[in-house]
Amino acid sequence: MSQNSGGKDFLLGVFLGAAIGAVTALLTAPKSGRELRQDLQEGYEVAKERSSLVAQNVRETATGVAGRVNDVKDKVQAKWIEIRSREEEDVRIEPMEVVYKSDFSNQTGVESKSQEK
């Protein structure tokens, strides 16, 4: 498991543990129904607010990571194009001239030779 995933799992555990603990405390506390419903509503509002903040942080982080990934992709792509163009410049194939045996008067048996400049 990666370190990032462990952090997410930990935060999820903290939020779930807090929620379960809060509900347990509210249900076992000696309060009237009205007070209990009000406490539950307040707890819900707090949890909603916190989850909204966490979601916003996750979106911002994901946007930043996506931007960095795109930057790296563009750099790699540019480098790849540069390397490919260098390879095309470095690789030069010299044309070959085909010479048949019958073209030689001495019948040496040579079938091809490089074109001389």
PDB file of N, CA and C in Angstrom:
ATOM      1  N   MET A   1       0.848  -1.168   0.000  1.00  0.00           N
ATOM      2  CA  MET A   1       0.000   0.000   0.000  1.00  0.00           C
ATOM      3  C   MET A   1       0.896   1.235   0.000  1.00  0.00           C
ATOM      4  N   SER A   2       0.561   2.206  -0.848  1.00  0.00           N
ATOM      5  CA  SER A   2       1.378   3.404  -0.923  1.00  0.00           C
ATOM      6  C   SER A   2       1.133   4.297   0.290  1.00  0.00           C
ATOM      7  N   GLN A   3       2.047   5.233   0.490  1.00  0.00           N
ATOM      8  CA  GLN A   3       1.949   6.124   1.644  1.00  0.00           C
ATOM      9  C   GLN A   3       0.719   7.020   1.524  1.00  0.00           C
ATOM     10  N   ASN A   4       0.392   7.468   0.312  1.00  0.00           N
ATOM     11  CA  ASN A   4      -0.775   8.313   0.098  1.00  0.00           C
ATOM     12  C   ASN A   4      -2.054   7.594   0.479  1.00  0.00           C
ATOM     13  N   SER A   5      -2.193   6.354   0.064  1.00  0.00           N
ATOM     14  CA  SER A   5      -3.387   5.583   0.368  1.00  0.00           C
ATOM     15  C   SER A   5      -3.524   5.385   1.875  1.00  0.00           C
ATOM     16  N   GLY A   6      -2.416   5.181   2.582  1.00  0.00           N
ATOM     17  CA  GLY A   6      -2.450   5.026   4.024  1.00  0.00           C
ATOM     18  C   GLY A   6      -2.965   6.275   4.705  1.00  0.00           C
ATOM     19  N   GLY A   7      -2.605   7.443   4.198  1.00  0.00           N
ATOM     20  CA  GLY A   7      -3.087   8.703   4.756  1.00  0.00           C
ATOM     21  C   GLY A   7      -4.584   8.862   4.566  1.00  0.00           C
ATOM     22  N   LYS A   8      -5.085   8.471   3.397  1.00  0.00           N
ATOM     23  CA  LYS A   8      -6.522   8.558   3.136  1.00  0.00           C
ATOM     24  C   LYS A   8      -7.280   7.602   4.052  1.00  0.00           C
ATOM     25  N   ASP A   9      -6.745   6.393   4.191  1.00  0.00           N
ATOM     26  CA  ASP A   9      -7.391   5.407   5.057  1.00  0.00           C
ATOM     27  C   ASP A   9      -7.419   5.895   6.502  1.00  0.00           C
ATOM     28  N   PHE A  10      -6.340   6.516   6.942  1.00  0.00           N
ATOM     29  CA  PHE A  10      -6.283   7.027   8.307  1.00  0.00           C
ATOM     30  C   PHE A  10      -7.336   8.108   8.527  1.00  0.00           C
ATOM     31  N   LEU A  11      -7.416   9.061   7.590  1.00  0.00           N
ATOM     32  CA  LEU A  11      -8.405  10.137   7.724  1.00  0.00           C
ATOM     33  C   LEU A  11      -9.825   9.583   7.711  1.00  0.00           C
ATOM     34  N   LEU A  12     -10.078   8.617   6.854  1.00  0.00           N
ATOM     35  CA  LEU A  12     -11.395   8.009   6.805  1.00  0.00           C
ATOM     36  C   LEU A  12     -11.718   7.344   8.144  1.00  0.00           C
ATOM     37  N   GLY A  13     -10.729   6.666   8.714  1.00  0.00           N
ATOM     38  CA  GLY A  13     -10.918   6.030  10.020  1.00  0.00           C
ATOM     39  C   GLY A  13     -11.191   7.046  11.114  1.00  0.00           C
ATOM     40  N   VAL A  14     -10.483   8.163  11.069  1.00  0.00           N
ATOM     41  CA  VAL A  14     -10.696   9.220  12.071  1.00  0.00           C
ATOM     42  C   VAL A  14     -12.115   9.766  11.976  1.00  0.00           C
ATOM     43  N   PHE A  15     -12.572  10.068  10.757  1.00  0.00           N
ATOM     44  CA  PHE A  15     -13.920  10.613  10.587  1.00  0.00           C
ATOM     45  C   PHE A  15     -14.990   9.606  10.993  1.00  0.00           C
ATOM     46  N   LEU A  16     -14.819   8.353  10.577  1.00  0.00           N
ATOM     47  CA  LEU A  16     -15.809   7.338  10.953  1.00  0.00           C
ATOM     48  C   LEU A  16     -15.826   7.115  12.463  1.00  0.00           C
ATOM     49  N   GLY A  17     -14.652   7.069  13.060  1.00  0.00           N
ATOM     50  CA  GLY A  17     -14.576   6.890  14.513  1.00  0.00           C
ATOM     51  C   GLY A  17     -15.221   8.045  15.257  1.00  0.00           C
ATOM     52  N   ALA A  18     -14.971   9.264  14.788  1.00  0.00           N
ATOM     53  CA  ALA A  18     -15.571  10.438  15.423  1.00  0.00           C
ATOM     54  C   ALA A  18     -17.091  10.415  15.287  1.00  0.00           C
ATOM     55  N   ALA A  19     -17.574  10.041  14.115  1.00  0.00           N
ATOM     56  CA  ALA A  19     -19.018  10.003  13.885  1.00  0.00           C
ATOM     57  C   ALA A  19     -19.679   8.938  14.765  1.00  0.00           C
ATOM     58  N   ILE A  20     -19.081   7.760  14.805  1.00  0.00           N
ATOM     59  CA  ILE A  20     -19.644   6.686  15.628  1.00  0.00           C
ATOM     60  C   ILE A  20     -19.609   7.070  17.102  1.00  0.00           C
ATOM     61  N   GLY A  21     -18.523   7.658  17.543  1.00  0.00           N
ATOM     62  CA  GLY A  21     -18.410   8.094  18.937  1.00  0.00           C
ATOM     63  C   GLY A  21     -19.433   9.164  19.278  1.00  0.00           C
ATOM     64  N   ALA A  22     -19.648  10.097  18.371  1.00  0.00           N
ATOM     65  CA  ALA A  22     -20.611  11.173  18.628  1.00  0.00           C
ATOM     66  C   ALA A  22     -22.029  10.627  18.713  1.00  0.00           C
ATOM     67  N   VAL A  23     -22.371   9.740  17.790  1.00  0.00           N
ATOM     68  CA  VAL A  23     -23.719   9.156  17.808  1.00  0.00           C
ATOM     69  C   VAL A  23     -23.927   8.346  19.080  1.00  0.00           C
ATOM     70  N   THR A  24     -22.937   7.561  19.454  1.00  0.00           N
ATOM     71  CA  THR A  24     -23.030   6.753  20.680  1.00  0.00           C
ATOM     72  C   THR A  24     -23.197   7.646  21.906  1.00  0.00           C
ATOM     73  N   ALA A  25     -22.430   8.712  21.968  1.00  0.00           N
ATOM     74  CA  ALA A  25     -22.523   9.628  23.116  1.00  0.00           C
ATOM     75  C   ALA A  25     -23.898  10.288  23.174  1.00  0.00           C
ATOM     76  N   LEU A  26     -24.413  10.684  22.018  1.00  0.00           N
ATOM     77  CA  LEU A  26     -25.726  11.337  22.002  1.00  0.00           C
ATOM     78  C   LEU A  26     -26.848  10.390  22.393  1.00  0.00           C
ATOM     79  N   LEU A  27     -26.756   9.161  21.916  1.00  0.00           N
ATOM     80  CA  LEU A  27     -27.834   8.215  22.192  1.00  0.00           C
ATOM     81  C   LEU A  27     -27.823   7.704  23.635  1.00  0.00           C
ATOM     82  N   THR A  28     -26.676   7.691  24.264  1.00  0.00           N
ATOM     83  CA  THR A  28     -26.594   7.196  25.655  1.00  0.00           C
ATOM     84  C   THR A  28     -26.709   8.309  26.683  1.00  0.00           C
ATOM     85  N   ALA A  29     -26.670   9.553  26.251  1.00  0.00           N
ATOM     86  CA  ALA A  29     -26.767  10.679  27.188  1.00  0.00           C
ATOM     87  C   ALA A  29     -28.221  10.829  27.651  1.00  0.00           C
ATOM     88  N   PRO A  30     -28.406  11.207  28.914  1.00  0.00           N
ATOM     89  CA  PRO A  30     -29.775  11.379  29.429  1.00  0.00           C
ATOM     90  C   PRO A  30     -30.344  12.740  28.997  1.00  0.00           C
ATOM     91  N   LYS A  31     -30.932  12.780  27.797  1.00  0.00           N
ATOM     92  CA  LYS A  31     -31.512  14.022  27.289  1.00  0.00           C
ATOM     93  C   LYS A  31     -32.923  13.729  26.797  1.00  0.00           C
ATOM     94  N   SER A  32     -33.685  14.790  26.690  1.00  0.00           N
ATOM     95  CA  SER A  32     -35.035  14.640  26.141  1.00  0.00           C
ATOM     96  C   SER A  32     -34.947  14.444  24.629  1.00  0.00           C
ATOM     97  N   GLY A  33     -36.012  14.018  24.031  1.00  0.00           N
ATOM     98  CA  GLY A  33     -36.047  13.791  22.585  1.00  0.00           C
ATOM     99  C   GLY A  33     -35.732  15.039  21.789  1.00  0.00           C
ATOM    100  N   ARG A  34     -36.284  16.169  22.256  1.00  0.00           N
ATOM    101  CA  ARG A  34     -36.042  17.432  21.556  1.00  0.00           C
ATOM    102  C   ARG A  34     -34.562  17.811  21.613  1.00  0.00           C
ATOM    103  N   GLU A  35     -33.958  17.713  22.788  1.00  0.00           N
ATOM    104  CA  GLU A  35     -32.530  18.042  22.933  1.00  0.00           C
ATOM    105  C   GLU A  35     -31.675  17.090  22.089  1.00  0.00           C
ATOM    106  N   LEU A  36     -32.050  15.831  22.072  1.00  0.00           N
ATOM    107  CA  LEU A  36     -31.299  14.837  21.304  1.00  0.00           C
ATOM    108  C   LEU A  36     -31.376  15.149  19.814  1.00  0.00           C
ATOM    109  N   ARG A  37     -32.568  15.480  19.328  1.00  0.00           N
ATOM    110  CA  ARG A  37     -32.716  15.820  17.907  1.00  0.00           C
ATOM    111  C   ARG A  37     -31.923  17.075  17.562  1.00  0.00           C
ATOM    112  N   GLN A  38     -31.916  18.055  18.463  1.00  0.00           N
ATOM    113  CA  GLN A  38     -31.159  19.282  18.222  1.00  0.00           C
ATOM    114  C   GLN A  38     -29.663  18.975  18.183  1.00  0.00           C
ATOM    115  N   ASP A  39     -29.179  18.152  19.098  1.00  0.00           N
ATOM    116  CA  ASP A  39     -27.763  17.775  19.104  1.00  0.00           C
ATOM    117  C   ASP A  39     -27.387  16.995  17.844  1.00  0.00           C
ATOM    118  N   LEU A  40     -28.282  16.104  17.430  1.00  0.00           N
ATOM    119  CA  LEU A  40     -28.029  15.350  16.197  1.00  0.00           C
ATOM    120  C   LEU A  40     -27.960  16.281  14.986  1.00  0.00           C
ATOM    121  N   GLN A  41     -28.870  17.254  14.952  1.00  0.00           N
ATOM    122  CA  GLN A  41     -28.873  18.225  13.849  1.00  0.00           C
ATOM    123  C   GLN A  41     -27.574  19.036  13.837  1.00  0.00           C
ATOM    124  N   GLU A  42     -27.138  19.478  15.013  1.00  0.00           N
ATOM    125  CA  GLU A  42     -25.876  20.240  15.096  1.00  0.00           C
ATOM    126  C   GLU A  42     -24.696  19.373  14.667  1.00  0.00           C
ATOM    127  N   GLY A  43     -24.687  18.128  15.116  1.00  0.00           N
ATOM    128  CA  GLY A  43     -23.619  17.215  14.720  1.00  0.00           C
ATOM    129  C   GLY A  43     -23.606  16.974  13.224  1.00  0.00           C
ATOM    130  N   TYR A  44     -24.800  16.859  12.640  1.00  0.00           N
ATOM    131  CA  TYR A  44     -24.913  16.683  11.200  1.00  0.00           C
ATOM    132  C   TYR A  44     -24.354  17.895  10.458  1.00  0.00           C
ATOM    133  N   GLU A  45     -24.701  19.084  10.931  1.00  0.00           N
ATOM    134  CA  GLU A  45     -24.216  20.316  10.287  1.00  0.00           C
ATOM    135  C   GLU A  45     -22.686  20.402  10.351  1.00  0.00           C
ATOM    136  N   VAL A  46     -22.115  20.071  11.511  1.00  0.00           N
ATOM    137  CA  VAL A  46     -20.661  20.102  11.665  1.00  0.00           C
ATOM    138  C   VAL A  46     -20.003  19.089  10.718  1.00  0.00           C
ATOM    139  N   ALA A  47     -20.560  17.879  10.669  1.00  0.00           N
ATOM    140  CA  ALA A  47     -20.005  16.842   9.798  1.00  0.00           C
ATOM    141  C   ALA A  47     -20.118  17.253   8.335  1.00  0.00           C
ATOM    142  N   LYS A  48     -21.241  17.858   7.965  1.00  0.00           N
ATOM    143  CA  LYS A  48     -21.448  18.318   6.591  1.00  0.00           C
ATOM    144  C   LYS A  48     -20.414  19.384   6.216  1.00  0.00           C
ATOM    145  N   GLU A  49     -20.189  20.318   7.132  1.00  0.00           N
ATOM    146  CA  GLU A  49     -19.219  21.394   6.908  1.00  0.00           C
ATOM    147  C   GLU A  49     -17.803  20.829   6.747  1.00  0.00           C
ATOM    148  N   ARG A  50     -17.438  19.923   7.631  1.00  0.00           N
ATOM    149  CA  ARG A  50     -16.092  19.329   7.578  1.00  0.00           C
ATOM    150  C   ARG A  50     -15.897  18.515   6.307  1.00  0.00           C
ATOM    151  N   SER A  51     -16.910  17.747   5.937  1.00  0.00           N
ATOM    152  CA  SER A  51     -16.773  16.937   4.723  1.00  0.00           C
ATOM    153  C   SER A  51     -16.685  17.826   3.490  1.00  0.00           C
ATOM    154  N   SER A  52     -17.364  18.960   3.528  1.00  0.00           N
ATOM    155  CA  SER A  52     -17.277  19.921   2.429  1.00  0.00           C
ATOM    156  C   SER A  52     -15.855  20.468   2.308  1.00  0.00           C
ATOM    157  N   LEU A  53     -15.255  20.793   3.462  1.00  0.00           N
ATOM    158  CA  LEU A  53     -13.876  21.292   3.449  1.00  0.00           C
ATOM    159  C   LEU A  53     -12.898  20.224   2.944  1.00  0.00           C
ATOM    160  N   VAL A  54     -13.101  18.986   3.383  1.00  0.00           N
ATOM    161  CA  VAL A  54     -12.228  17.897   2.929  1.00  0.00           C
ATOM    162  C   VAL A  54     -12.370  17.713   1.423  1.00  0.00           C
ATOM    163  N   ALA A  55     -13.607  17.748   0.927  1.00  0.00           N
ATOM    164  CA  ALA A  55     -13.842  17.596  -0.517  1.00  0.00           C
ATOM    165  C   ALA A  55     -13.169  18.717  -1.296  1.00  0.00           C
ATOM    166  N   GLN A  56     -13.248  19.927  -0.775  1.00  0.00           N
ATOM    167  CA  GLN A  56     -12.607  21.068  -1.443  1.00  0.00           C
ATOM    168  C   GLN A  56     -11.090  20.882  -1.469  1.00  0.00           C
ATOM    169  N   ASN A  57     -10.493  20.443  -0.359  1.00  0.00           N
ATOM    170  CA  ASN A  57      -9.053  20.197  -0.322  1.00  0.00           C
ATOM    171  C   ASN A  57      -8.649  19.113  -1.299  1.00  0.00           C
ATOM    172  N   VAL A  58      -9.459  18.070  -1.395  1.00  0.00           N
ATOM    173  CA  VAL A  58      -9.161  16.984  -2.328  1.00  0.00           C
ATOM    174  C   VAL A  58      -9.218  17.502  -3.763  1.00  0.00           C
ATOM    175  N   ARG A  59     -10.224  18.296  -4.091  1.00  0.00           N
ATOM    176  CA  ARG A  59     -10.337  18.870  -5.447  1.00  0.00           C
ATOM    177  C   ARG A  59      -9.126  19.738  -5.769  1.00  0.00           C
ATOM    178  N   GLU A  60      -8.732  20.599  -4.831  1.00  0.00           N
ATOM    179  CA  GLU A  60      -7.587  21.479  -5.065  1.00  0.00           C
ATOM    180  C   GLU A  60      -6.306  20.675  -5.261  1.00  0.00           C
ATOM    181  N   THR A  61      -6.120  19.658  -4.443  1.00  0.00           N
ATOM    182  CA  THR A  61      -4.933  18.813  -4.567  1.00  0.00           C
ATOM    183  C   THR A  61      -4.937  18.068  -5.892  1.00  0.00           C
ATOM    184  N   ALA A  62      -6.096  17.531  -6.264  1.00  0.00           N
ATOM    185  CA  ALA A  62      -6.198  16.800  -7.534  1.00  0.00           C
ATOM    186  C   ALA A  62      -5.931  17.723  -8.715  1.00  0.00           C
ATOM    187  N   THR A  63      -6.412  18.943  -8.657  1.00  0.00           N
ATOM    188  CA  THR A  63      -6.173  19.902  -9.729  1.00  0.00           C
ATOM    189  C   THR A  63      -4.686  20.225  -9.839  1.00  0.00           C
ATOM    190  N   GLY A  64      -4.031  20.420  -8.702  1.00  0.00           N
ATOM    191  CA  GLY A  64      -2.593  20.700  -8.707  1.00  0.00           C
ATOM    192  C   GLY A  64      -1.798  19.529  -9.253  1.00  0.00           C
ATOM    193  N   VAL A  65      -2.158  18.322  -8.853  1.00  0.00           N
ATOM    194  CA  VAL A  65      -1.459  17.134  -9.338  1.00  0.00           C
ATOM    195  C   VAL A  65      -1.683  16.980 -10.836  1.00  0.00           C
ATOM    196  N   ALA A  66      -2.910  17.195 -11.289  1.00  0.00           N
ATOM    197  CA  ALA A  66      -3.208  17.079 -12.719  1.00  0.00           C
ATOM    198  C   ALA A  66      -2.389  18.095 -13.526  1.00  0.00           C
ATOM    199  N   GLY A  67      -2.244  19.292 -13.010  1.00  0.00           N
ATOM    200  CA  GLY A  67      -1.435  20.306 -13.695  1.00  0.00           C
ATOM    201  C   GLY A  67       0.020  19.896 -13.791  1.00  0.00           C
ATOM    202  N   ARG A  68       0.550  19.353 -12.697  1.00  0.00           N
ATOM    203  CA  ARG A  68       1.946  18.899 -12.716  1.00  0.00           C
ATOM    204  C   ARG A  68       2.131  17.721 -13.660  1.00  0.00           C
ATOM    205  N   VAL A  69       1.165  16.820 -13.691  1.00  0.00           N
ATOM    206  CA  VAL A  69       1.249  15.670 -14.600  1.00  0.00           C
ATOM    207  C   VAL A  69       1.248  16.151 -16.052  1.00  0.00           C
ATOM    208  N   ASN A  70       0.395  17.118 -16.359  1.00  0.00           N
ATOM    209  CA  ASN A  70       0.363  17.663 -17.723  1.00  0.00           C
ATOM    210  C   ASN A  70       1.673  18.338 -18.082  1.00  0.00           C
ATOM    211  N   ASP A  71       2.265  19.069 -17.146  1.00  0.00           N
ATOM    212  CA  ASP A  71       3.561  19.709 -17.398  1.00  0.00           C
ATOM    213  C   ASP A  71       4.630  18.671 -17.701  1.00  0.00           C
ATOM    214  N   VAL A  72       4.674  17.620 -16.900  1.00  0.00           N
ATOM    215  CA  VAL A  72       5.661  16.563 -17.113  1.00  0.00           C
ATOM    216  C   VAL A  72       5.412  15.873 -18.451  1.00  0.00           C
ATOM    217  N   LYS A  73       4.145  15.625 -18.769  1.00  0.00           N
ATOM    218  CA  LYS A  73       3.795  14.991 -20.050  1.00  0.00           C
ATOM    219  C   LYS A  73       4.290  15.842 -21.219  1.00  0.00           C
ATOM    220  N   ASP A  74       4.074  17.157 -21.141  1.00  0.00           N
ATOM    221  CA  ASP A  74       4.516  18.048 -22.213  1.00  0.00           C
ATOM    222  C   ASP A  74       6.036  18.039 -22.356  1.00  0.00           C
ATOM    223  N   LYS A  75       6.756  18.039 -21.223  1.00  0.00           N
ATOM    224  CA  LYS A  75       8.216  18.006 -21.274  1.00  0.00           C
ATOM    225  C   LYS A  75       8.722  16.701 -21.867  1.00  0.00           C
ATOM    226  N   VAL A  76       8.119  15.589 -21.464  1.00  0.00           N
ATOM    227  CA  VAL A  76       8.528  14.282 -21.989  1.00  0.00           C
ATOM    228  C   VAL A  76       8.235  14.205 -23.479  1.00  0.00           C
ATOM    229  N   GLN A  77       7.084  14.707 -23.874  1.00  0.00           N
ATOM    230  CA  GLN A  77       6.716  14.676 -25.285  1.00  0.00           C
ATOM    231  C   GLN A  77       7.691  15.522 -26.118  1.00  0.00           C
ATOM    232  N   ALA A  78       8.049  16.700 -25.631  1.00  0.00           N
ATOM    233  CA  ALA A  78       8.995  17.553 -26.349  1.00  0.00           C
ATOM    234  C   ALA A  78      10.363  16.886 -26.438  1.00  0.00           C
ATOM    235  N   LYS A  79      10.803  16.270 -25.357  1.00  0.00           N
ATOM    236  CA  LYS A  79      12.092  15.575 -25.354  1.00  0.00           C
ATOM    237  C   LYS A  79      12.063  14.407 -26.336  1.00  0.00           C
ATOM    238  N   TRP A  80      10.956  13.676 -26.368  1.00  0.00           N
ATOM    239  CA  TRP A  80      10.816  12.544 -27.280  1.00  0.00           C
ATOM    240  C   TRP A  80      10.935  13.025 -28.733  1.00  0.00           C
ATOM    241  N   ILE A  81      10.263  14.108 -29.061  1.00  0.00           N
ATOM    242  CA  ILE A  81      10.330  14.653 -30.421  1.00  0.00           C
ATOM    243  C   ILE A  81      11.758  15.064 -30.743  1.00  0.00           C
ATOM    244  N   GLU A  82      12.434  15.692 -29.790  1.00  0.00           N
ATOM    245  CA  GLU A  82      13.832  16.106 -29.990  1.00  0.00           C
ATOM    246  C   GLU A  82      14.729  14.895 -30.240  1.00  0.00           C
ATOM    247  N   ILE A  83      14.565  13.858 -29.448  1.00  0.00           N
ATOM    248  CA  ILE A  83      15.387  12.654 -29.603  1.00  0.00           C
ATOM    249  C   ILE A  83      15.113  11.994 -30.946  1.00  0.00           C
ATOM    250  N   ARG A  84      13.848  11.894 -31.318  1.00  0.00           N
ATOM    251  CA  ARG A  84      13.497  11.272 -32.605  1.00  0.00           C
ATOM    252  C   ARG A  84      14.093  12.054 -33.773  1.00  0.00           C
ATOM    253  N   SER A  85      14.072  13.377 -33.700  1.00  0.00           N
ATOM    254  CA  SER A  85      14.622  14.177 -34.796  1.00  0.00           C
ATOM    255  C   SER A  85      16.138  14.012 -34.869  1.00  0.00           C
ATOM    256  N   ARG A  86      16.802  13.879 -33.718  1.00  0.00           N
ATOM    257  CA  ARG A  86      18.250  13.633 -33.717  1.00  0.00           C
ATOM    258  C   ARG A  86      18.562  12.279 -34.341  1.00  0.00           C
ATOM    259  N   GLU A  87      17.760  11.266 -34.007  1.00  0.00           N
ATOM    260  CA  GLU A  87      17.987   9.935 -34.568  1.00  0.00           C
ATOM    261  C   GLU A  87      17.838   9.962 -36.075  1.00  0.00           C
ATOM    262  N   GLU A  88      16.836  10.683 -36.565  1.00  0.00           N
ATOM    263  CA  GLU A  88      16.631  10.764 -38.008  1.00  0.00           C
ATOM    264  C   GLU A  88      17.804  11.468 -38.682  1.00  0.00           C
ATOM    265  N   GLU A  89      18.397  12.457 -38.017  1.00  0.00           N
ATOM    266  CA  GLU A  89      19.561  13.137 -38.578  1.00  0.00           C
ATOM    267  C   GLU A  89      20.792  12.245 -38.546  1.00  0.00           C
ATOM    268  N   ASP A  90      20.935  11.447 -37.493  1.00  0.00           N
ATOM    269  CA  ASP A  90      22.112  10.607 -37.333  1.00  0.00           C
ATOM    270  C   ASP A  90      22.107   9.396 -38.256  1.00  0.00           C
ATOM    271  N   VAL A  91      20.942   8.891 -38.562  1.00  0.00           N
ATOM    272  CA  VAL A  91      20.862   7.682 -39.375  1.00  0.00           C
ATOM    273  C   VAL A  91      20.743   8.084 -40.833  1.00  0.00           C
ATOM    274  N   ARG A  92      21.778   7.810 -41.581  1.00  0.00           N
ATOM    275  CA  ARG A  92      21.795   8.094 -43.011  1.00  0.00           C
ATOM    276  C   ARG A  92      22.119   6.797 -43.733  1.00  0.00           C
ATOM    277  N   ILE A  93      21.314   6.469 -44.704  1.00  0.00           N
ATOM    278  CA  ILE A  93      21.530   5.248 -45.474  1.00  0.00           C
ATOM    279  C   ILE A  93      22.115   5.645 -46.812  1.00  0.00           C
ATOM    280  N   GLU A  94      23.292   5.102 -47.102  1.00  0.00           N
ATOM    281  CA  GLU A  94      23.948   5.371 -48.375  1.00  0.00           C
ATOM    282  C   GLU A  94      23.287   4.510 -49.451  1.00  0.00           C
ATOM    283  N   PRO A  95      22.983   5.093 -50.589  1.00  0.00           N
ATOM    284  CA  PRO A  95      22.384   4.287 -51.655  1.00  0.00           C
ATOM    285  C   PRO A  95      23.400   3.276 -52.190  1.00  0.00           C
ATOM    286  N   MET A  96      22.910   2.121 -52.551  1.00  0.00           N
ATOM    287  CA  MET A  96      23.762   1.059 -53.086  1.00  0.00           C
ATOM    288  C   MET A  96      23.528   0.946 -54.585  1.00  0.00           C
ATOM    289  N   GLU A  97      24.586   0.639 -55.274  1.00  0.00           N
ATOM    290  CA  GLU A  97      24.486   0.406 -56.715  1.00  0.00           C
ATOM    291  C   GLU A  97      24.615  -1.095 -56.935  1.00  0.00           C
ATOM    292  N   VAL A  98      23.668  -1.660 -57.611  1.00  0.00           N
ATOM    293  CA  VAL A  98      23.695  -3.088 -57.876  1.00  0.00           C
ATOM    294  C   VAL A  98      24.435  -3.313 -59.190  1.00  0.00           C
ATOM    295  N   VAL A  99      25.425  -4.170 -59.115  1.00  0.00           N
ATOM    296  CA  VAL A  99      26.205  -4.491 -60.306  1.00  0.00           C
ATOM    297  C   VAL A  99      26.085  -5.994 -60.528  1.00  0.00           C
ATOM    298  N   TYR A 100      25.687  -6.391 -61.702  1.00  0.00           N
ATOM    299  CA  TYR A 100      25.515  -7.806 -62.006  1.00  0.00           C
ATOM    300  C   TYR A 100      26.813  -8.387 -62.541  1.00  0.00           C
ATOM    301  N   LYS A 101      26.999  -9.666 -62.378  1.00  0.00           N
ATOM    302  CA  LYS A 101      28.212 -10.354 -62.834  1.00  0.00           C
ATOM    303  C   LYS A 101      28.446 -10.154 -64.315  1.00  0.00           C
ATOM    304  N   SER A 102      27.365 -10.117 -65.040  1.00  0.00           N
ATOM    305  CA  SER A 102      27.535 -10.005 -66.490  1.00  0.00           C
ATOM    306  C   SER A 102      28.066  -8.635 -66.901  1.00  0.00           C
ATOM    307  N   ASP A 103      28.012  -7.638 -66.011  1.00  0.00           N
ATOM    308  CA  ASP A 103      28.531  -6.313 -66.312  1.00  0.00           C
ATOM    309  C   ASP A 103      30.057  -6.276 -66.246  1.00  0.00           C
ATOM    310  N   PHE A 104      30.667  -7.265 -65.580  1.00  0.00           N
ATOM    311  CA  PHE A 104      32.119  -7.298 -65.463  1.00  0.00           C
ATOM    312  C   PHE A 104      32.708  -8.139 -66.595  1.00  0.00           C
ATOM    313  N   SER A 105      33.708  -7.626 -67.159  1.00  0.00           N
ATOM    314  CA  SER A 105      34.340  -8.386 -68.239  1.00  0.00           C
ATOM    315  C   SER A 105      35.254  -9.469 -67.682  1.00  0.00           C
ATOM    316  N   ASN A 106      35.746  -9.283 -66.431  1.00  0.00           N
ATOM    317  CA  ASN A 106      36.675 -10.263 -65.869  1.00  0.00           C
ATOM    318  C   ASN A 106      35.962 -11.326 -65.036  1.00  0.00           C
ATOM    319  N   GLN A 107      34.642 -11.229 -64.864  1.00  0.00           N
ATOM    320  CA  GLN A 107      33.854 -12.220 -64.128  1.00  0.00           C
ATOM    321  C   GLN A 107      34.425 -12.485 -62.730  1.00  0.00           C
ATOM    322  N   THR A 108      34.515 -11.434 -61.915  1.00  0.00           N
ATOM    323  CA  THR A 108      35.093 -11.575 -60.576  1.00  0.00           C
ATOM    324  C   THR A 108      34.118 -12.167 -59.577  1.00  0.00           C
ATOM    325  N   GLY A 109      32.849 -12.127 -59.815  1.00  0.00           N
ATOM    326  CA  GLY A 109      31.870 -12.694 -58.890  1.00  0.00           C
ATOM    327  C   GLY A 109      31.330 -11.684 -57.895  1.00  0.00           C
ATOM    328  N   VAL A 110      31.646 -10.402 -58.026  1.00  0.00           N
ATOM    329  CA  VAL A 110      31.145  -9.386 -57.133  1.00  0.00           C
ATOM    330  C   VAL A 110      29.730  -9.021 -57.555  1.00  0.00           C
ATOM    331  N   GLU A 111      28.788  -9.060 -56.589  1.00  0.00           N
ATOM    332  CA  GLU A 111      27.381  -8.821 -56.929  1.00  0.00           C
ATOM    333  C   GLU A 111      26.933  -7.394 -56.623  1.00  0.00           C
ATOM    334  N   SER A 112      27.542  -6.716 -55.648  1.00  0.00           N
ATOM    335  CA  SER A 112      27.154  -5.345 -55.371  1.00  0.00           C
ATOM    336  C   SER A 112      28.334  -4.588 -54.800  1.00  0.00           C
ATOM    337  N   LYS A 113      28.301  -3.301 -54.912  1.00  0.00           N
ATOM    338  CA  LYS A 113      29.347  -2.458 -54.338  1.00  0.00           C
ATOM    339  C   LYS A 113      28.745  -1.124 -53.937  1.00  0.00           C
ATOM    340  N   SER A 114      29.408  -0.428 -53.011  1.00  0.00           N
ATOM    341  CA  SER A 114      28.924   0.875 -52.575  1.00  0.00           C
ATOM    342  C   SER A 114      29.147   1.878 -53.676  1.00  0.00           C
ATOM    343  N   GLN A 115      28.282   2.837 -53.744  1.00  0.00           N
ATOM    344  CA  GLN A 115      28.419   3.903 -54.714  1.00  0.00           C
ATOM    345  C   GLN A 115      29.563   4.789 -54.294  1.00  0.00           C
ATOM    346  N   GLU A 116      30.523   5.004 -55.148  1.00  0.00           N
ATOM    347  CA  GLU A 116      31.684   5.820 -54.791  1.00  0.00           C
ATOM    348  C   GLU A 116      31.434   7.253 -55.157  1.00  0.00           C
ATOM    349  N   LYS A 117      31.944   8.135 -54.325  1.00  0.00           N
ATOM    350  CA  LYS A 117      31.766   9.580 -54.553  1.00  0.00           C
ATOM    351  C   LYS A 117      33.061  10.213 -54.920  1.00  0.00           C
TER     352      LYS A 117
END
